[in-house]
C-alpha atoms as a PDB file:
ATOM      1  CA  MET A   1     168.930  86.446  54.433  1.00  0.00           C
ATOM      2  CA  PRO A   2     171.544  85.183  56.482  1.00  0.00           C
ATOM      3  CA  MET A   3     175.040  83.990  54.870  1.00  0.00           C
ATOM      4  CA  GLN A   4     178.890  83.463  55.060  1.00  0.00           C
ATOM      5  CA  ALA A   5     179.919  84.318  51.545  1.00  0.00           C
ATOM      6  CA  PHE A   6     178.435  85.047  48.132  1.00  0.00           C
ATOM      7  CA  PHE A   7     180.082  85.062  44.650  1.00  0.00           C
ATOM      8  CA  GLU A   8     180.159  88.142  42.538  1.00  0.00           C
ATOM      9  CA  PRO A   9     181.739  88.710  39.114  1.00  0.00           C
ATOM     10  CA  TYR A  10     185.099  90.974  38.955  1.00  0.00           C
ATOM     11  CA  TYR A  11     186.107  91.815  35.453  1.00  0.00           C
ATOM     12  CA  ILE A  12     189.639  91.893  34.730  1.00  0.00           C
ATOM     13  CA  GLU A  13     190.773  93.653  31.674  1.00  0.00           C
ATOM     14  CA  GLY A  14     187.459  92.395  30.290  1.00  0.00           C
ATOM     15  CA  GLU A  15     187.554  88.960  31.430  1.00  0.00           C
ATOM     16  CA  ASN A  16     185.177  87.847  34.023  1.00  0.00           C
ATOM     17  CA  ASP A  17     186.813  86.136  37.363  1.00  0.00           C
ATOM     18  CA  TRP A  18     184.110  84.942  40.137  1.00  0.00           C
ATOM     19  CA  GLN A  19     185.051  86.313  43.440  1.00  0.00           C
ATOM     20  CA  CYS A  20     184.186  84.636  46.925  1.00  0.00           C
ATOM     21  CA  ILE A  21     182.814  87.515  48.952  1.00  0.00           C
ATOM     22  CA  TYR A  22     182.881  86.927  52.655  1.00  0.00           C
ATOM     23  CA  TRP A  23     183.783  88.933  56.130  1.00  0.00           C
ATOM     24  CA  LYS A  24     187.295  88.874  56.817  1.00  0.00           C
ATOM     25  CA  ASP A  25     186.802  87.681  60.346  1.00  0.00           C
ATOM     26  CA  SER A  26     184.524  84.884  58.741  1.00  0.00           C
ATOM     27  CA  GLN A  27     181.533  85.510  60.685  1.00  0.00           C
ATOM     28  CA  ALA A  28     177.943  85.146  59.143  1.00  0.00           C
ATOM     29  CA  PHE A  29     176.469  88.328  57.902  1.00  0.00           C
ATOM     30  CA  THR A  30     172.609  89.128  56.691  1.00  0.00           C
ATOM     31  CA  ILE A  31     172.078  90.747  53.213  1.00  0.00           C
ATOM     32  CA  THR A  32     168.849  92.512  51.978  1.00  0.00           C
ATOM     33  CA  GLY A  33     167.624  90.852  48.915  1.00  0.00           C
ATOM     34  CA  MET A  34     164.461  90.513  46.841  1.00  0.00           C
ATOM     35  CA  PHE A  35     162.504  87.125  46.907  1.00  0.00           C
ATOM     36  CA  GLU A  36     159.412  85.826  44.860  1.00  0.00           C
ATOM     37  CA  LEU A  37     157.604  82.490  43.659  1.00  0.00           C
ATOM     38  CA  ASN A  38     157.567  82.671  39.972  1.00  0.00           C
ATOM     39  CA  PRO A  39     154.363  81.013  38.425  1.00  0.00           C
ATOM     40  CA  HIS A  40     155.287  81.606  34.771  1.00  0.00           C
ATOM     41  CA  PHE A  41     156.783  77.895  34.348  1.00  0.00           C
ATOM     42  CA  ASN A  42     155.564  74.288  34.246  1.00  0.00           C
ATOM     43  CA  ASP A  43     157.136  74.289  37.493  1.00  0.00           C
ATOM     44  CA  PRO A  44     156.954  77.214  39.797  1.00  0.00           C
ATOM     45  CA  ILE A  45     160.432  78.435  40.848  1.00  0.00           C
ATOM     46  CA  HIS A  46     160.957  80.485  43.984  1.00  0.00           C
ATOM     47  CA  THR A  47     163.795  83.291  42.727  1.00  0.00           C
ATOM     48  CA  PHE A  48     165.987  85.099  45.000  1.00  0.00           C
ATOM     49  CA  THR A  49     168.568  88.182  44.063  1.00  0.00           C
ATOM     50  CA  LEU A  50     171.036  89.969  46.117  1.00  0.00           C
ATOM     51  CA  LEU A  51     171.500  93.622  46.603  1.00  0.00           C
ATOM     52  CA  THR A  52     175.251  93.825  46.630  1.00  0.00           C
ATOM     53  CA  HIS A  53     178.101  96.272  47.313  1.00  0.00           C
ATOM     54  CA  ASN A  54     181.422  96.226  45.755  1.00  0.00           C
ATOM     55  CA  ALA A  55     184.051  94.016  46.724  1.00  0.00           C
ATOM     56  CA  ASP A  56     186.621  96.956  47.130  1.00  0.00           C
ATOM     57  CA  ASN A  57     185.660  97.824  50.509  1.00  0.00           C
ATOM     58  CA  GLU A  58     188.064  97.219  53.275  1.00  0.00           C
ATOM     59  CA  VAL A  59     185.342  95.062  55.378  1.00  0.00           C
ATOM     60  CA  PHE A  60     184.892  92.582  53.196  1.00  0.00           C
ATOM     61  CA  ALA A  61     187.802  90.155  51.414  1.00  0.00           C
ATOM     62  CA  HIS A  62     187.715  88.721  48.119  1.00  0.00           C
ATOM     63  CA  LYS A  63     189.282  85.585  46.611  1.00  0.00           C
ATOM     64  CA  GLY A  64     188.981  84.341  42.931  1.00  0.00           C
ATOM     65  CA  SER A  65     187.172  81.281  42.482  1.00  0.00           C
ATOM     66  CA  GLN A  66     184.662  79.527  40.227  1.00  0.00           C
ATOM     67  CA  PRO A  67     181.384  79.162  41.894  1.00  0.00           C
END
């Protein structure tokens, strides 16, 4: 899945603070995920799950923000 950023929960002293995760140089990137058409509702919906990495890597930057 191509993207420029995504949000992850970041827990500080038990409190959830949403973090925006992106490349430091603001370039687009791809991330692995799982995609499915979920037929278990009145109107079937598409679902997508990101497989992510911790935001504490020096390659990524993060800042607190509400999604």
